[in-house]
C-alpha atoms as a PDB file:
ATOM      1  CA  UNK A   1      14.766 248.189 -42.803  1.00  0.00           C
ATOM      2  CA  UNK A   2      15.907 251.934 -41.754  1.00  0.00           C
ATOM      3  CA  UNK A   3      16.947 252.639 -45.122  1.00  0.00           C
ATOM      4  CA  UNK A   4      13.799 251.015 -46.667  1.00  0.00           C
ATOM      5  CA  UNK A   5      11.629 253.402 -44.319  1.00  0.00           C
ATOM      6  CA  UNK A   6      13.940 256.584 -45.289  1.00  0.00           C
ATOM      7  CA  UNK A   7      13.429 255.721 -49.129  1.00  0.00           C
ATOM      8  CA  UNK A   8       9.624 255.644 -48.628  1.00  0.00           C
ATOM      9  CA  UNK A   9       9.475 259.006 -47.078  1.00  0.00           C
ATOM     10  CA  UNK A  10      11.568 260.382 -49.943  1.00  0.00           C
ATOM     11  CA  UNK A  11       9.201 259.263 -52.571  1.00  0.00           C
ATOM     12  CA  UNK A  12       6.469 261.063 -50.600  1.00  0.00           C
ATOM     13  CA  UNK A  13       8.165 264.326 -50.921  1.00  0.00           C
ATOM     14  CA  UNK A  14      10.356 264.018 -54.140  1.00  0.00           C
ATOM     15  CA  UNK A  15       8.701 265.369 -57.309  1.00  0.00           C
ATOM     16  CA  UNK A  16       6.967 262.611 -59.313  1.00  0.00           C
ATOM     17  CA  UNK A  17       8.615 263.787 -62.440  1.00  0.00           C
ATOM     18  CA  UNK A  18      11.973 263.461 -60.984  1.00  0.00           C
ATOM     19  CA  UNK A  19      11.167 259.782 -59.875  1.00  0.00           C
ATOM     20  CA  UNK A  20       9.487 259.049 -63.489  1.00  0.00           C
ATOM     21  CA  UNK A  21      12.844 259.611 -65.107  1.00  0.00           C
ATOM     22  CA  UNK A  22      15.000 256.995 -63.364  1.00  0.00           C
ATOM     23  CA  UNK A  23      14.156 253.464 -62.641  1.00  0.00           C
ATOM     24  CA  UNK A  24      14.954 250.597 -60.254  1.00  0.00           C
ATOM     25  CA  UNK A  25      16.626 247.974 -62.118  1.00  0.00           C
ATOM     26  CA  UNK A  26      17.175 249.835 -65.110  1.00  0.00           C
ATOM     27  CA  UNK A  27      20.010 247.520 -66.448  1.00  0.00           C
ATOM     28  CA  UNK A  28      18.271 244.399 -65.650  1.00  0.00           C
ATOM     29  CA  UNK A  29      18.138 243.245 -69.119  1.00  0.00           C
ATOM     30  CA  UNK A  30      20.796 245.299 -70.643  1.00  0.00           C
ATOM     31  CA  UNK A  31      23.775 244.567 -68.520  1.00  0.00           C
ATOM     32  CA  UNK A  32      22.488 242.617 -65.398  1.00  0.00           C
ATOM     33  CA  UNK A  33      26.092 242.503 -63.912  1.00  0.00           C
ATOM     34  CA  UNK A  34      26.541 246.246 -63.791  1.00  0.00           C
ATOM     35  CA  UNK A  35      25.712 246.487 -59.826  1.00  0.00           C
ATOM     36  CA  UNK A  36      27.850 243.790 -59.061  1.00  0.00           C
ATOM     37  CA  UNK A  37      30.827 244.855 -61.423  1.00  0.00           C
ATOM     38  CA  UNK A  38      30.736 248.213 -59.803  1.00  0.00           C
ATOM     39  CA  UNK A  39      30.418 247.115 -56.209  1.00  0.00           C
ATOM     40  CA  UNK A  40      33.437 244.672 -56.628  1.00  0.00           C
ATOM     41  CA  UNK A  41      35.656 247.680 -58.149  1.00  0.00           C
ATOM     42  CA  UNK A  42      34.621 249.844 -55.099  1.00  0.00           C
ATOM     43  CA  UNK A  43      34.959 247.133 -52.804  1.00  0.00           C
ATOM     44  CA  UNK A  44      38.408 246.195 -54.102  1.00  0.00           C
ATOM     45  CA  UNK A  45      39.472 249.910 -53.760  1.00  0.00           C
ATOM     46  CA  UNK A  46      38.069 250.469 -50.316  1.00  0.00           C
ATOM     47  CA  UNK A  47      39.993 247.406 -48.956  1.00  0.00           C
ATOM     48  CA  UNK A  48      43.165 249.359 -49.930  1.00  0.00           C
ATOM     49  CA  UNK A  49      42.117 252.823 -49.037  1.00  0.00           C
ATOM     50  CA  UNK A  50      39.232 253.464 -46.524  1.00  0.00           C
ATOM     51  CA  UNK A  51      39.418 257.202 -47.703  1.00  0.00           C
ATOM     52  CA  UNK A  52      37.723 256.491 -50.987  1.00  0.00           C
ATOM     53  CA  UNK A  53      34.098 257.089 -49.486  1.00  0.00           C
ATOM     54  CA  UNK A  54      35.203 260.762 -48.921  1.00  0.00           C
ATOM     55  CA  UNK A  55      36.534 260.906 -52.353  1.00  0.00           C
ATOM     56  CA  UNK A  56      33.358 259.615 -53.940  1.00  0.00           C
ATOM     57  CA  UNK A  57      30.869 261.745 -51.760  1.00  0.00           C
ATOM     58  CA  UNK A  58      32.891 264.536 -52.860  1.00  0.00           C
ATOM     59  CA  UNK A  59      32.726 263.622 -56.439  1.00  0.00           C
ATOM     60  CA  UNK A  60      29.082 262.974 -56.561  1.00  0.00           C
ATOM     61  CA  UNK A  61      28.326 266.424 -54.808  1.00  0.00           C
ATOM     62  CA  UNK A  62      30.730 268.246 -57.004  1.00  0.00           C
ATOM     63  CA  UNK A  63      29.041 266.734 -60.088  1.00  0.00           C
ATOM     64  CA  UNK A  64      25.586 266.717 -59.213  1.00  0.00           C
ATOM     65  CA  UNK A  65      25.330 270.585 -57.946  1.00  0.00           C
ATOM     66  CA  UNK A  66      26.786 272.075 -61.132  1.00  0.00           C
ATOM     67  CA  UNK A  67      24.857 270.923 -64.214  1.00  0.00           C
ATOM     68  CA  UNK A  68      23.215 267.925 -62.749  1.00  0.00           C
ATOM     69  CA  UNK A  69      24.115 264.232 -62.093  1.00  0.00           C
ATOM     70  CA  UNK A  70      25.532 264.147 -65.575  1.00  0.00           C
ATOM     71  CA  UNK A  71      29.311 263.102 -65.030  1.00  0.00           C
ATOM     72  CA  UNK A  72      30.402 266.587 -66.389  1.00  0.00           C
ATOM     73  CA  UNK A  73      32.958 266.626 -63.561  1.00  0.00           C
ATOM     74  CA  UNK A  74      34.728 263.738 -65.130  1.00  0.00           C
ATOM     75  CA  UNK A  75      35.657 265.202 -68.350  1.00  0.00           C
ATOM     76  CA  UNK A  76      39.446 266.026 -68.823  1.00  0.00           C
ATOM     77  CA  UNK A  77      40.253 269.196 -70.608  1.00  0.00           C
ATOM     78  CA  UNK A  78      41.720 272.784 -70.052  1.00  0.00           C
ATOM     79  CA  UNK A  79      38.315 274.430 -69.677  1.00  0.00           C
ATOM     80  CA  UNK A  80      36.567 271.450 -68.407  1.00  0.00           C
ATOM     81  CA  UNK A  81      34.732 271.548 -64.595  1.00  0.00           C
ATOM     82  CA  UNK A  82      37.707 269.599 -63.431  1.00  0.00           C
ATOM     83  CA  UNK A  83      39.883 272.639 -63.806  1.00  0.00           C
ATOM     84  CA  UNK A  84      37.774 274.773 -61.574  1.00  0.00           C
ATOM     85  CA  UNK A  85      39.252 275.621 -58.440  1.00  0.00           C
ATOM     86  CA  UNK A  86      36.717 274.075 -55.894  1.00  0.00           C
ATOM     87  CA  UNK A  87      37.447 270.725 -57.991  1.00  0.00           C
ATOM     88  CA  UNK A  88      41.266 270.637 -57.787  1.00  0.00           C
ATOM     89  CA  UNK A  89      41.327 268.330 -54.675  1.00  0.00           C
ATOM     90  CA  UNK A  90      38.596 265.906 -56.143  1.00  0.00           C
ATOM     91  CA  UNK A  91      39.999 262.330 -56.533  1.00  0.00           C
ATOM     92  CA  UNK A  92      38.828 258.793 -57.029  1.00  0.00           C
ATOM     93  CA  UNK A  93      38.445 259.146 -60.984  1.00  0.00           C
ATOM     94  CA  UNK A  94      40.543 255.926 -61.253  1.00  0.00           C
ATOM     95  CA  UNK A  95      38.000 254.109 -59.631  1.00  0.00           C
ATOM     96  CA  UNK A  96      35.126 255.073 -62.052  1.00  0.00           C
ATOM     97  CA  UNK A  97      37.552 254.377 -64.952  1.00  0.00           C
ATOM     98  CA  UNK A  98      38.209 250.821 -63.948  1.00  0.00           C
ATOM     99  CA  UNK A  99      34.355 250.264 -63.222  1.00  0.00           C
ATOM    100  CA  UNK A 100      33.746 251.462 -66.801  1.00  0.00           C
ATOM    101  CA  UNK A 101      36.726 249.575 -68.173  1.00  0.00           C
ATOM    102  CA  UNK A 102      35.189 246.175 -66.845  1.00  0.00           C
ATOM    103  CA  UNK A 103      31.669 247.184 -67.668  1.00  0.00           C
ATOM    104  CA  UNK A 104      32.504 248.275 -71.372  1.00  0.00           C
ATOM    105  CA  UNK A 105      34.114 244.640 -71.837  1.00  0.00           C
ATOM    106  CA  UNK A 106      30.894 242.917 -70.930  1.00  0.00           C
ATOM    107  CA  UNK A 107      28.111 245.555 -72.184  1.00  0.00           C
ATOM    108  CA  UNK A 108      29.796 248.120 -74.166  1.00  0.00           C
ATOM    109  CA  UNK A 109      27.956 251.530 -74.716  1.00  0.00           C
ATOM    110  CA  UNK A 110      25.344 250.521 -71.988  1.00  0.00           C
ATOM    111  CA  UNK A 111      25.991 251.877 -68.360  1.00  0.00           C
ATOM    112  CA  UNK A 112      26.427 255.657 -67.977  1.00  0.00           C
ATOM    113  CA  UNK A 113      29.514 257.258 -66.205  1.00  0.00           C
ATOM    114  CA  UNK A 114      26.809 259.087 -64.241  1.00  0.00           C
ATOM    115  CA  UNK A 115      25.253 255.813 -62.854  1.00  0.00           C
ATOM    116  CA  UNK A 116      28.670 254.674 -62.107  1.00  0.00           C
ATOM    117  CA  UNK A 117      29.309 257.655 -59.991  1.00  0.00           C
ATOM    118  CA  UNK A 118      25.965 257.378 -58.192  1.00  0.00           C
ATOM    119  CA  UNK A 119      26.203 253.616 -57.653  1.00  0.00           C
ATOM    120  CA  UNK A 120      29.981 253.468 -56.613  1.00  0.00           C
ATOM    121  CA  UNK A 121      29.286 256.366 -53.974  1.00  0.00           C
ATOM    122  CA  UNK A 122      26.233 254.473 -52.488  1.00  0.00           C
ATOM    123  CA  UNK A 123      28.304 251.423 -52.178  1.00  0.00           C
ATOM    124  CA  UNK A 124      31.368 253.273 -50.604  1.00  0.00           C
ATOM    125  CA  UNK A 125      28.919 254.714 -48.144  1.00  0.00           C
ATOM    126  CA  UNK A 126      27.811 251.310 -46.935  1.00  0.00           C
ATOM    127  CA  UNK A 127      31.334 249.879 -46.797  1.00  0.00           C
ATOM    128  CA  UNK A 128      32.054 253.028 -44.450  1.00  0.00           C
ATOM    129  CA  UNK A 129      29.475 251.855 -41.970  1.00  0.00           C
ATOM    130  CA  UNK A 130      26.555 254.094 -43.401  1.00  0.00           C
ATOM    131  CA  UNK A 131      23.283 253.249 -44.547  1.00  0.00           C
ATOM    132  CA  UNK A 132      22.640 250.723 -47.365  1.00  0.00           C
ATOM    133  CA  UNK A 133      19.912 252.244 -49.933  1.00  0.00           C
ATOM    134  CA  UNK A 134      18.303 251.541 -53.018  1.00  0.00           C
ATOM    135  CA  UNK A 135      19.042 253.972 -56.205  1.00  0.00           C
ATOM    136  CA  UNK A 136      17.290 254.466 -59.333  1.00  0.00           C
ATOM    137  CA  UNK A 137      19.455 254.318 -62.430  1.00  0.00           C
ATOM    138  CA  UNK A 138      19.124 255.231 -66.022  1.00  0.00           C
ATOM    139  CA  UNK A 139      21.061 258.588 -66.160  1.00  0.00           C
ATOM    140  CA  UNK A 140      22.767 259.591 -69.140  1.00  0.00           C
ATOM    141  CA  UNK A 141      26.049 261.527 -69.608  1.00  0.00           C
ATOM    142  CA  UNK A 142      26.333 265.349 -70.198  1.00  0.00           C
ATOM    143  CA  UNK A 143      27.603 267.013 -73.358  1.00  0.00           C
ATOM    144  CA  UNK A 144      29.022 270.048 -71.613  1.00  0.00           C
ATOM    145  CA  UNK A 145      31.848 270.482 -68.986  1.00  0.00           C
ATOM    146  CA  UNK A 146      32.756 274.146 -68.572  1.00  0.00           C
ATOM    147  CA  UNK A 147      34.721 275.278 -65.492  1.00  0.00           C
ATOM    148  CA  UNK A 148      32.621 278.565 -65.376  1.00  0.00           C
ATOM    149  CA  UNK A 149      29.763 276.865 -64.657  1.00  0.00           C
ATOM    150  CA  UNK A 150      31.038 275.852 -61.265  1.00  0.00           C
ATOM    151  CA  UNK A 151      29.761 277.524 -58.210  1.00  0.00           C
ATOM    152  CA  UNK A 152      29.831 275.467 -55.001  1.00  0.00           C
ATOM    153  CA  UNK A 153      29.613 276.397 -51.388  1.00  0.00           C
ATOM    154  CA  UNK A 154      32.964 277.245 -49.985  1.00  0.00           C
ATOM    155  CA  UNK A 155      34.643 276.135 -46.535  1.00  0.00           C
ATOM    156  CA  UNK A 156      33.621 279.674 -45.077  1.00  0.00           C
ATOM    157  CA  UNK A 157      30.170 280.061 -46.457  1.00  0.00           C
ATOM    158  CA  UNK A 158      27.273 280.852 -43.861  1.00  0.00           C
ATOM    159  CA  UNK A 159      24.829 278.348 -43.128  1.00  0.00           C
ATOM    160  CA  UNK A 160      22.006 280.821 -44.561  1.00  0.00           C
ATOM    161  CA  UNK A 161      24.171 281.404 -47.814  1.00  0.00           C
ATOM    162  CA  UNK A 162      24.761 277.752 -48.275  1.00  0.00           C
ATOM    163  CA  UNK A 163      20.958 276.893 -47.842  1.00  0.00           C
ATOM    164  CA  UNK A 164      20.202 279.178 -50.762  1.00  0.00           C
ATOM    165  CA  UNK A 165      22.404 277.189 -53.066  1.00  0.00           C
ATOM    166  CA  UNK A 166      20.592 273.997 -51.768  1.00  0.00           C
ATOM    167  CA  UNK A 167      17.266 275.564 -52.299  1.00  0.00           C
ATOM    168  CA  UNK A 168      18.143 276.394 -55.700  1.00  0.00           C
ATOM    169  CA  UNK A 169      18.404 272.730 -56.423  1.00  0.00           C
ATOM    170  CA  UNK A 170      15.146 272.153 -55.005  1.00  0.00           C
ATOM    171  CA  UNK A 171      16.734 270.658 -51.624  1.00  0.00           C
ATOM    172  CA  UNK A 172      15.792 271.725 -48.126  1.00  0.00           C
ATOM    173  CA  UNK A 173      17.387 272.600 -44.909  1.00  0.00           C
ATOM    174  CA  UNK A 174      17.368 268.945 -43.604  1.00  0.00           C
ATOM    175  CA  UNK A 175      19.079 267.827 -46.766  1.00  0.00           C
ATOM    176  CA  UNK A 176      21.606 270.303 -46.488  1.00  0.00           C
ATOM    177  CA  UNK A 177      22.650 269.556 -42.920  1.00  0.00           C
ATOM    178  CA  UNK A 178      22.561 265.713 -43.701  1.00  0.00           C
ATOM    179  CA  UNK A 179      24.526 265.995 -46.793  1.00  0.00           C
ATOM    180  CA  UNK A 180      27.237 268.344 -45.451  1.00  0.00           C
ATOM    181  CA  UNK A 181      27.541 266.500 -42.079  1.00  0.00           C
ATOM    182  CA  UNK A 182      27.269 263.299 -43.524  1.00  0.00           C
ATOM    183  CA  UNK A 183      29.997 264.220 -46.372  1.00  0.00           C
ATOM    184  CA  UNK A 184      32.152 265.536 -43.798  1.00  0.00           C
ATOM    185  CA  UNK A 185      31.739 262.662 -41.403  1.00  0.00           C
ATOM    186  CA  UNK A 186      35.065 261.208 -43.332  1.00  0.00           C
ATOM    187  CA  UNK A 187      37.680 262.722 -45.259  1.00  0.00           C
ATOM    188  CA  UNK A 188      40.320 265.417 -44.268  1.00  0.00           C
ATOM    189  CA  UNK A 189      40.821 269.275 -44.955  1.00  0.00           C
ATOM    190  CA  UNK A 190      44.056 271.127 -45.488  1.00  0.00           C
ATOM    191  CA  UNK A 191      45.277 273.622 -43.010  1.00  0.00           C
ATOM    192  CA  UNK A 192      44.832 276.336 -45.398  1.00  0.00           C
ATOM    193  CA  UNK A 193      41.037 275.734 -45.452  1.00  0.00           C
ATOM    194  CA  UNK A 194      40.589 276.117 -41.907  1.00  0.00           C
ATOM    195  CA  UNK A 195      43.024 278.769 -40.672  1.00  0.00           C
ATOM    196  CA  UNK A 196      40.117 280.941 -39.671  1.00  0.00           C
ATOM    197  CA  UNK A 197      38.938 278.269 -37.293  1.00  0.00           C
ATOM    198  CA  UNK A 198      42.438 277.980 -35.594  1.00  0.00           C
ATOM    199  CA  UNK A 199      42.122 281.593 -34.924  1.00  0.00           C
ATOM    200  CA  UNK A 200      38.600 281.143 -33.344  1.00  0.00           C
ATOM    201  CA  UNK A 201      38.567 281.558 -29.724  1.00  0.00           C
ATOM    202  CA  UNK A 202      35.471 279.780 -29.225  1.00  0.00           C
ATOM    203  CA  UNK A 203      37.150 276.632 -30.703  1.00  0.00           C
ATOM    204  CA  UNK A 204      37.578 273.667 -28.443  1.00  0.00           C
ATOM    205  CA  UNK A 205      40.978 274.365 -26.872  1.00  0.00           C
ATOM    206  CA  UNK A 206      42.282 270.954 -26.918  1.00  0.00           C
ATOM    207  CA  UNK A 207      41.380 270.519 -30.479  1.00  0.00           C
ATOM    208  CA  UNK A 208      42.747 274.136 -31.348  1.00  0.00           C
ATOM    209  CA  UNK A 209      46.145 273.031 -29.884  1.00  0.00           C
ATOM    210  CA  UNK A 210      46.369 269.743 -31.605  1.00  0.00           C
ATOM    211  CA  UNK A 211      45.422 271.773 -34.992  1.00  0.00           C
ATOM    212  CA  UNK A 212      48.099 274.309 -34.246  1.00  0.00           C
ATOM    213  CA  UNK A 213      50.581 271.475 -33.953  1.00  0.00           C
ATOM    214  CA  UNK A 214      49.718 269.687 -37.137  1.00  0.00           C
ATOM    215  CA  UNK A 215      49.520 273.016 -39.021  1.00  0.00           C
ATOM    216  CA  UNK A 216      53.064 273.946 -38.235  1.00  0.00           C
ATOM    217  CA  UNK A 217      54.338 271.293 -40.457  1.00  0.00           C
ATOM    218  CA  UNK A 218      55.208 272.272 -44.179  1.00  0.00           C
ATOM    219  CA  UNK A 219      53.249 271.587 -47.496  1.00  0.00           C
ATOM    220  CA  UNK A 220      49.850 272.333 -46.174  1.00  0.00           C
ATOM    221  CA  UNK A 221      49.290 269.061 -44.006  1.00  0.00           C
ATOM    222  CA  UNK A 222      45.664 267.810 -43.356  1.00  0.00           C
ATOM    223  CA  UNK A 223      43.320 267.153 -40.459  1.00  0.00           C
ATOM    224  CA  UNK A 224      40.417 264.740 -40.096  1.00  0.00           C
ATOM    225  CA  UNK A 225      37.207 266.679 -40.412  1.00  0.00           C
ATOM    226  CA  UNK A 226      35.458 264.325 -37.967  1.00  0.00           C
ATOM    227  CA  UNK A 227      38.074 263.434 -34.948  1.00  0.00           C
ATOM    228  CA  UNK A 228      36.237 260.769 -33.358  1.00  0.00           C
ATOM    229  CA  UNK A 229      35.074 258.236 -36.110  1.00  0.00           C
ATOM    230  CA  UNK A 230      37.080 259.434 -39.009  1.00  0.00           C
ATOM    231  CA  UNK A 231      36.364 256.538 -41.593  1.00  0.00           C
ATOM    232  CA  UNK A 232      32.691 256.021 -40.544  1.00  0.00           C
ATOM    233  CA  UNK A 233      29.709 257.587 -41.997  1.00  0.00           C
ATOM    234  CA  UNK A 234      27.790 258.437 -38.875  1.00  0.00           C
ATOM    235  CA  UNK A 235      26.513 261.135 -36.667  1.00  0.00           C
ATOM    236  CA  UNK A 236      29.665 261.525 -34.689  1.00  0.00           C
ATOM    237  CA  UNK A 237      30.456 264.725 -36.406  1.00  0.00           C
ATOM    238  CA  UNK A 238      27.373 266.555 -35.244  1.00  0.00           C
ATOM    239  CA  UNK A 239      28.456 266.073 -31.784  1.00  0.00           C
ATOM    240  CA  UNK A 240      31.776 267.318 -32.126  1.00  0.00           C
ATOM    241  CA  UNK A 241      30.115 270.495 -33.633  1.00  0.00           C
ATOM    242  CA  UNK A 242      28.034 271.042 -30.854  1.00  0.00           C
ATOM    243  CA  UNK A 243      31.316 270.792 -28.511  1.00  0.00           C
ATOM    244  CA  UNK A 244      32.958 273.608 -30.908  1.00  0.00           C
ATOM    245  CA  UNK A 245      35.133 270.913 -32.650  1.00  0.00           C
ATOM    246  CA  UNK A 246      34.110 271.508 -36.125  1.00  0.00           C
ATOM    247  CA  UNK A 247      37.287 271.804 -38.220  1.00  0.00           C
ATOM    248  CA  UNK A 248      35.553 273.715 -41.128  1.00  0.00           C
ATOM    249  CA  UNK A 249      33.756 277.195 -40.757  1.00  0.00           C
ATOM    250  CA  UNK A 250      30.901 275.907 -42.741  1.00  0.00           C
ATOM    251  CA  UNK A 251      30.543 272.712 -40.214  1.00  0.00           C
ATOM    252  CA  UNK A 252      30.712 274.907 -37.101  1.00  0.00           C
ATOM    253  CA  UNK A 253      28.140 277.378 -38.776  1.00  0.00           C
ATOM    254  CA  UNK A 254      25.702 274.479 -39.056  1.00  0.00           C
ATOM    255  CA  UNK A 255      25.747 274.136 -35.153  1.00  0.00           C
ATOM    256  CA  UNK A 256      25.569 277.980 -34.499  1.00  0.00           C
ATOM    257  CA  UNK A 257      23.159 279.195 -36.877  1.00  0.00           C
ATOM    258  CA  UNK A 258      19.334 279.600 -35.646  1.00  0.00           C
ATOM    259  CA  UNK A 259      18.329 277.868 -38.988  1.00  0.00           C
ATOM    260  CA  UNK A 260      20.377 274.848 -38.492  1.00  0.00           C
ATOM    261  CA  UNK A 261      21.553 274.538 -34.970  1.00  0.00           C
ATOM    262  CA  UNK A 262      18.276 272.674 -34.100  1.00  0.00           C
ATOM    263  CA  UNK A 263      18.747 269.935 -36.575  1.00  0.00           C
ATOM    264  CA  UNK A 264      22.429 269.516 -35.783  1.00  0.00           C
ATOM    265  CA  UNK A 265      21.399 268.948 -32.259  1.00  0.00           C
ATOM    266  CA  UNK A 266      18.692 266.140 -33.460  1.00  0.00           C
ATOM    267  CA  UNK A 267      21.446 264.307 -35.604  1.00  0.00           C
ATOM    268  CA  UNK A 268      23.811 264.390 -32.640  1.00  0.00           C
ATOM    269  CA  UNK A 269      21.455 262.446 -30.660  1.00  0.00           C
ATOM    270  CA  UNK A 270      19.962 260.269 -32.862  1.00  0.00           C
ATOM    271  CA  UNK A 271      21.839 258.559 -35.446  1.00  0.00           C
ATOM    272  CA  UNK A 272      18.690 256.677 -36.973  1.00  0.00           C
ATOM    273  CA  UNK A 273      17.260 260.128 -37.668  1.00  0.00           C
ATOM    274  CA  UNK A 274      20.562 261.162 -39.261  1.00  0.00           C
ATOM    275  CA  UNK A 275      20.802 258.014 -41.472  1.00  0.00           C
ATOM    276  CA  UNK A 276      17.211 258.452 -42.547  1.00  0.00           C
ATOM    277  CA  UNK A 277      17.705 262.047 -43.507  1.00  0.00           C
ATOM    278  CA  UNK A 278      21.029 261.344 -45.038  1.00  0.00           C
ATOM    279  CA  UNK A 279      19.458 258.482 -47.453  1.00  0.00           C
ATOM    280  CA  UNK A 280      16.823 260.934 -48.328  1.00  0.00           C
ATOM    281  CA  UNK A 281      19.232 263.514 -49.150  1.00  0.00           C
ATOM    282  CA  UNK A 282      21.406 261.383 -51.003  1.00  0.00           C
ATOM    283  CA  UNK A 283      18.830 260.038 -53.274  1.00  0.00           C
ATOM    284  CA  UNK A 284      17.385 263.450 -53.804  1.00  0.00           C
ATOM    285  CA  UNK A 285      20.785 264.635 -54.895  1.00  0.00           C
ATOM    286  CA  UNK A 286      21.270 261.901 -57.246  1.00  0.00           C
ATOM    287  CA  UNK A 287      18.188 262.953 -59.173  1.00  0.00           C
ATOM    288  CA  UNK A 288      19.239 266.545 -59.665  1.00  0.00           C
ATOM    289  CA  UNK A 289      18.756 267.549 -63.317  1.00  0.00           C
ATOM    290  CA  UNK A 290      19.340 263.923 -64.788  1.00  0.00           C
ATOM    291  CA  UNK A 291      19.414 263.425 -68.390  1.00  0.00           C
ATOM    292  CA  UNK A 292      17.585 260.315 -69.444  1.00  0.00           C
ATOM    293  CA  UNK A 293      16.156 258.664 -72.669  1.00  0.00           C
ATOM    294  CA  UNK A 294      17.728 260.113 -75.794  1.00  0.00           C
ATOM    295  CA  UNK A 295      19.155 263.166 -74.113  1.00  0.00           C
ATOM    296  CA  UNK A 296      23.119 263.349 -73.483  1.00  0.00           C
ATOM    297  CA  UNK A 297      24.867 260.017 -74.412  1.00  0.00           C
ATOM    298  CA  UNK A 298      26.683 256.999 -72.841  1.00  0.00           C
ATOM    299  CA  UNK A 299      30.284 257.633 -72.861  1.00  0.00           C
ATOM    300  CA  UNK A 300      32.701 254.721 -73.856  1.00  0.00           C
ATOM    301  CA  UNK A 301      35.219 256.667 -71.790  1.00  0.00           C
ATOM    302  CA  UNK A 302      34.336 258.823 -68.648  1.00  0.00           C
ATOM    303  CA  UNK A 303      36.901 261.278 -69.378  1.00  0.00           C
ATOM    304  CA  UNK A 304      36.068 262.191 -72.762  1.00  0.00           C
ATOM    305  CA  UNK A 305      32.721 262.726 -74.977  1.00  0.00           C
ATOM    306  CA  UNK A 306      32.155 260.613 -77.472  1.00  0.00           C
ATOM    307  CA  UNK A 307      33.097 261.435 -81.157  1.00  0.00           C
ATOM    308  CA  UNK A 308      30.382 262.380 -83.306  1.00  0.00           C
END
């Protein structure tokens, strides 16, 4: 019920033109098993590795925030988006490949890679204890993938600068805090990305000591972004931020900024509110600059454009 309520509020605020481009049950006639096939692949992967939720969340964010939700991130090539610095640590491509392989066996040339990413991420969120929610489908795959297009918020960006990037995509401050917090409620970061936080005297002393010990090891080790519920999509990270236990500077900035601090506090004290806002933000993000109708293509291989 919570997710349906969140979806209702989303419909009230999302531009009608964005909603009209996508449909519920888009594959009902053309590939009615699409949802169950993707869910099966994600569930099987999650049973082996719970960290895939973080991987897929990162993948969808990095795809949608560049040229839109068009699976351009999946393209292999020396100059593709995949080669841009911020995408070097994106993973989980094999999950999308396997879902595509199974879909092509039963309904070839029907289900886009962009929709696979969207549905797979939605399913992984639910498996990690996050909200279940409905998404519209009908996205088509893009025909461009260029690393020079990639401009994503870095780990030390201020809340205000990050908000500018979100607003450029038609998203607001609640969307930003929900997506960054929700995305970072699972997953890890390499020590090289949070050295500035280790050197911050404001950081919680116990956590600071733990991280210093972790980061003494060779080969740039990692630490969980949410030290409390590391594999659950929930609001615990916002409580951590309030206690100066944000691992990345971008996370801690959300708690100290006058623009976002109040939202962090609200999410920290109310998991239902966070879940509602997170669903709203996820559905909105999944509608960014989508290709529909005859635009783009439906790739046969998610890693390569179709031959013309």
